[in-house]
Protein backbone atom coordinates (compact mmCIF):
# COMPACT_ATOMS: atom_id res chain seq x y z
CA MET A 1 -25.76 -69.10 -21.98
CA ARG A 2 -27.12 -65.68 -20.30
CA THR A 3 -24.50 -63.33 -20.88
CA PHE A 4 -22.95 -61.06 -18.59
CA PHE A 5 -25.59 -57.95 -18.39
CA ASP A 6 -28.25 -60.65 -17.97
CA ARG A 7 -26.41 -61.77 -14.93
CA ILE A 8 -25.91 -58.45 -13.81
CA PHE A 9 -29.75 -57.18 -14.38
CA SER A 10 -31.35 -59.94 -13.26
CA ARG A 11 -30.14 -59.90 -9.67
CA LYS A 12 -33.43 -57.51 -8.70
CA PRO A 13 -33.78 -57.61 -4.32
CA ALA A 14 -37.24 -59.22 -4.02
CA ASN A 15 -38.83 -55.36 -3.12
CA ALA A 16 -37.54 -53.84 -6.47
CA THR A 17 -40.15 -51.63 -7.32
CA ALA A 18 -40.68 -50.23 -10.96
CA GLU A 19 -38.87 -47.12 -10.17
CA SER A 20 -36.22 -48.60 -8.95
CA VAL A 21 -35.58 -51.11 -11.79
CA ILE A 22 -36.21 -47.93 -13.79
CA SER A 23 -33.62 -46.42 -12.16
CA LEU A 24 -30.85 -48.97 -13.82
CA TYR A 25 -30.85 -46.74 -17.00
CA SER A 26 -29.86 -43.58 -18.06
CA GLN A 27 -32.46 -41.30 -19.88
CA ASP A 28 -29.73 -39.18 -20.92
CA TYR A 29 -29.07 -38.10 -24.53
CA PRO A 30 -26.12 -40.54 -25.26
CA SER A 31 -22.49 -38.43 -24.74
CA PRO A 32 -19.49 -39.56 -23.32
CA ASP A 33 -19.64 -37.23 -20.06
CA ASN A 34 -22.78 -39.03 -19.13
CA ALA A 35 -19.86 -41.47 -18.15
CA PHE A 36 -17.68 -39.58 -15.84
CA LYS A 37 -21.18 -38.39 -14.34
CA LEU A 38 -21.26 -42.27 -13.24
CA PHE A 39 -18.44 -41.19 -10.61
CA GLU A 40 -19.61 -37.96 -9.82
CA GLY A 41 -17.11 -36.32 -6.65
CA GLU A 42 -15.01 -39.82 -6.69
CA TRP A 43 -12.39 -37.92 -9.44
CA THR A 44 -9.09 -37.22 -8.63
CA SER A 45 -7.64 -36.50 -11.86
CA LYS A 46 -8.18 -33.14 -14.11
CA VAL A 47 -9.64 -34.77 -17.15
CA PRO A 48 -9.41 -32.39 -20.35
CA GLY A 49 -12.09 -31.12 -21.07
CA VAL A 50 -14.63 -32.58 -18.57
CA PRO A 51 -15.38 -31.30 -15.12
CA THR A 52 -14.06 -33.96 -13.04
CA GLY A 53 -10.81 -33.25 -10.25
CA GLN A 54 -8.34 -31.23 -9.22
CA ILE A 55 -4.77 -32.18 -9.91
CA ASP A 56 -3.92 -32.04 -13.18
CA LEU A 57 -2.30 -35.87 -13.79
CA PHE A 58 -2.99 -35.46 -17.59
CA SER A 59 -0.78 -32.48 -17.95
CA ASP A 60 2.10 -34.19 -15.36
CA GLY A 61 5.76 -32.39 -15.43
CA ARG A 62 7.23 -35.35 -13.90
CA ILE A 63 6.11 -37.34 -17.14
CA ASP A 64 7.71 -35.00 -19.64
CA TRP A 65 10.71 -34.94 -17.39
CA LEU A 66 10.96 -38.91 -17.38
CA THR A 67 10.44 -39.50 -20.63
CA GLN A 68 13.37 -36.80 -21.84
CA GLN A 69 15.39 -38.99 -19.34
CA CYS A 70 14.89 -41.63 -21.15
CA GLY A 71 15.50 -40.48 -24.67
CA GLY A 72 11.65 -40.35 -25.55
CA LEU A 73 9.59 -43.81 -25.73
CA SER A 74 8.54 -44.05 -29.24
CA GLY A 75 8.00 -47.50 -29.99
CA LYS A 76 8.70 -48.54 -26.51
CA SER A 77 6.92 -51.64 -24.40
CA ILE A 78 5.54 -49.53 -21.01
CA LEU A 79 4.39 -51.53 -18.05
CA GLU A 80 2.70 -49.36 -15.38
CA LEU A 81 1.66 -50.38 -12.07
CA GLY A 82 -1.54 -48.13 -10.58
CA PRO A 83 -2.66 -46.27 -13.39
CA LEU A 84 -5.06 -44.52 -11.32
CA GLU A 85 -7.35 -42.30 -13.78
CA GLY A 86 -5.12 -43.18 -16.31
CA GLY A 87 -3.65 -39.41 -16.82
CA HIS A 88 0.21 -41.00 -17.30
CA THR A 89 -1.21 -43.71 -19.36
CA HIS A 90 -2.78 -41.04 -21.81
CA MET A 91 0.63 -39.06 -21.46
CA LEU A 92 2.51 -42.47 -22.41
CA ALA A 93 0.52 -43.19 -25.10
CA LYS A 94 1.15 -39.66 -27.01
CA ALA A 95 4.56 -39.72 -26.04
CA GLY A 96 3.84 -43.01 -29.23
CA ALA A 97 5.02 -45.90 -26.86
CA GLY A 98 4.17 -48.88 -29.00
CA ARG A 99 2.40 -50.98 -25.97
CA ILE A 100 1.31 -50.22 -22.70
CA LEU A 101 0.14 -52.61 -20.59
CA SER A 102 -1.17 -50.83 -17.05
CA ILE A 103 -2.19 -52.54 -14.04
CA GLU A 104 -4.95 -51.27 -11.40
CA ALA A 105 -5.92 -52.88 -8.42
CA ASN A 106 -8.86 -50.42 -7.26
CA ARG A 107 -11.73 -51.70 -8.62
CA GLN A 108 -13.37 -48.30 -8.60
CA ALA A 109 -10.35 -46.30 -10.53
CA PHE A 110 -10.00 -49.58 -12.83
CA LEU A 111 -13.61 -48.34 -14.14
CA ARG A 112 -12.58 -44.71 -14.15
CA CYS A 113 -9.64 -45.67 -16.64
CA LEU A 114 -11.84 -47.38 -19.06
CA VAL A 115 -14.02 -44.62 -18.82
CA VAL A 116 -11.24 -42.01 -19.44
CA GLN A 117 -9.99 -44.29 -21.97
CA ALA A 118 -13.02 -44.55 -23.76
CA ALA A 119 -13.70 -41.00 -23.85
CA LEU A 120 -9.92 -39.74 -25.23
CA LYS A 121 -9.48 -42.67 -27.48
CA PHE A 122 -5.99 -43.89 -26.34
CA ASP A 123 -3.76 -47.65 -27.00
CA ALA A 124 -3.74 -49.14 -23.71
CA GLU A 125 -4.28 -52.36 -22.20
CA PHE A 126 -6.01 -52.05 -18.62
CA LEU A 127 -5.95 -54.65 -16.58
CA LEU A 128 -7.43 -55.36 -12.90
CA GLY A 129 -5.84 -57.21 -10.43
CA ASP A 130 -2.79 -57.53 -8.05
CA PHE A 131 -0.03 -56.14 -9.65
CA ARG A 132 2.55 -57.81 -7.28
CA SER A 133 1.74 -61.61 -8.17
CA TYR A 134 2.05 -60.44 -11.72
CA LEU A 135 5.47 -59.43 -11.09
CA LYS A 136 6.74 -62.31 -9.59
CA ASP A 137 5.08 -64.51 -12.11
CA THR A 138 4.75 -62.93 -15.98
CA GLU A 139 7.62 -64.23 -17.99
CA GLU A 140 6.38 -61.13 -20.12
CA ARG A 141 9.53 -57.95 -20.45
CA PHE A 142 9.47 -54.15 -20.68
CA ASP A 143 11.66 -51.12 -21.69
CA PHE A 144 10.13 -48.99 -19.68
CA LEU A 145 8.13 -49.76 -15.83
CA LEU A 146 6.30 -46.42 -14.16
CA ALA A 147 5.05 -46.53 -10.65
CA SER A 148 3.87 -43.78 -9.52
CA GLY A 149 2.28 -43.94 -6.09
CA VAL A 150 2.24 -47.44 -5.00
CA LEU A 151 5.26 -48.14 -3.06
CA TYR A 152 4.62 -46.55 -0.16
CA HIS A 153 1.70 -48.36 0.02
CA MET A 154 3.94 -52.01 -0.04
CA THR A 155 5.10 -53.50 3.06
CA ASN A 156 7.88 -54.67 1.55
CA PRO A 157 8.86 -52.26 -0.92
CA GLU A 158 12.09 -53.11 -1.38
CA GLU A 159 11.31 -56.70 -2.88
CA MET A 160 8.70 -55.03 -4.91
CA LEU A 161 11.70 -53.03 -6.71
CA ALA A 162 13.83 -55.95 -7.09
CA ASP A 163 10.27 -57.74 -8.78
CA MET A 164 10.02 -54.85 -11.00
CA ARG A 165 13.81 -54.79 -12.33
CA PHE A 166 13.41 -58.20 -13.39
CA SER A 167 10.24 -57.62 -15.49
CA LEU A 168 12.58 -55.35 -17.57
CA GLY A 169 13.92 -56.68 -20.93
CA SER A 170 17.08 -57.07 -19.25
CA TRP A 171 18.87 -55.85 -16.17
CA ALA A 172 17.74 -52.32 -15.83
CA THR A 173 20.88 -50.13 -15.48
CA ALA A 174 18.80 -46.81 -14.47
CA ALA A 175 16.56 -46.79 -11.66
CA LYS A 176 15.28 -43.06 -10.42
CA ALA A 177 12.64 -42.63 -7.63
CA ILE A 178 11.47 -39.11 -6.42
CA GLY A 179 9.87 -39.37 -3.07
CA SER A 180 8.30 -36.62 -0.62
CA THR A 181 9.35 -37.04 3.15
CA ALA A 182 8.42 -35.28 6.53
CA SER A 183 11.97 -33.49 6.71
CA ALA A 184 12.20 -30.93 4.72
CA THR A 185 16.44 -31.00 4.37
CA ARG A 186 15.55 -34.59 3.46
CA ALA A 187 13.07 -33.90 0.61
CA LYS A 188 15.74 -31.23 -0.72
CA ARG A 189 18.62 -33.88 -1.02
CA ARG A 190 16.37 -36.22 -2.96
CA TYR A 191 15.57 -33.10 -5.57
CA ARG A 192 19.25 -32.37 -6.19
CA GLU A 193 19.35 -36.08 -6.96
CA TYR A 194 17.79 -35.51 -9.81
CA PRO A 195 18.22 -32.39 -11.14
CA GLY A 196 15.86 -30.93 -14.05
CA CYS A 197 12.96 -32.71 -12.53
CA PRO A 198 10.12 -29.81 -12.09
CA ALA A 199 10.21 -28.00 -9.10
CA GLY A 200 7.33 -28.98 -6.19
CA GLN A 201 6.41 -31.65 -8.24
CA LEU A 202 8.02 -34.24 -5.77
CA VAL A 203 5.68 -36.69 -4.58
CA LYS A 204 5.42 -40.11 -3.05
CA SER A 205 7.11 -42.54 -4.44
CA ALA A 206 6.83 -41.85 -7.97
CA CYS A 207 8.80 -44.83 -9.68
CA CYS A 208 10.60 -44.98 -12.99
CA ILE A 209 12.65 -47.56 -14.10
CA VAL A 210 14.50 -48.25 -17.62
CA ALA A 211 16.03 -51.45 -19.28
CA ALA A 212 19.78 -51.09 -19.95
């Protein structure tokens, strides 16, 4: 039986040249930075110690605030939906989470998560796929669920929120969402509902749900 890599590298176009085949292989000195270069120009997050994106999701005050509101995450099981590039995942792992299952639907973002995990060496399980079907079918239960930047992509966010609550160990008694809107007045009202959340950190549909 051919291995995965055998199948990948045997698929050469009919007009493949020696140069095009050789270009598939890196001749750089082995370094963790080389994997980041595979996605050069595609990064959103500012990964520590690596020239990548501009948004500091690896040191995000919102996650620190959520961790504080939940009384810490040490030993907790966490389900994360839409990790993007693993910035929040890394923070959750550093906060002492016992288990992190992180599901990403975007193929390129999923691969970037694996690059980040290999470089920063933190404990989390990344899965590629549609978390909507997972939420409906899974019998697994978690202590904490984090979904940042995903609800506004959903055609039926209310249904998804209901499915998210059922994935917790018991019926959730706390659900906190932070959202930005076109209306400054409405945004300020939402901000007041969550005192202590870092100023200027409102984002579209960040959601945290905690089990009772």
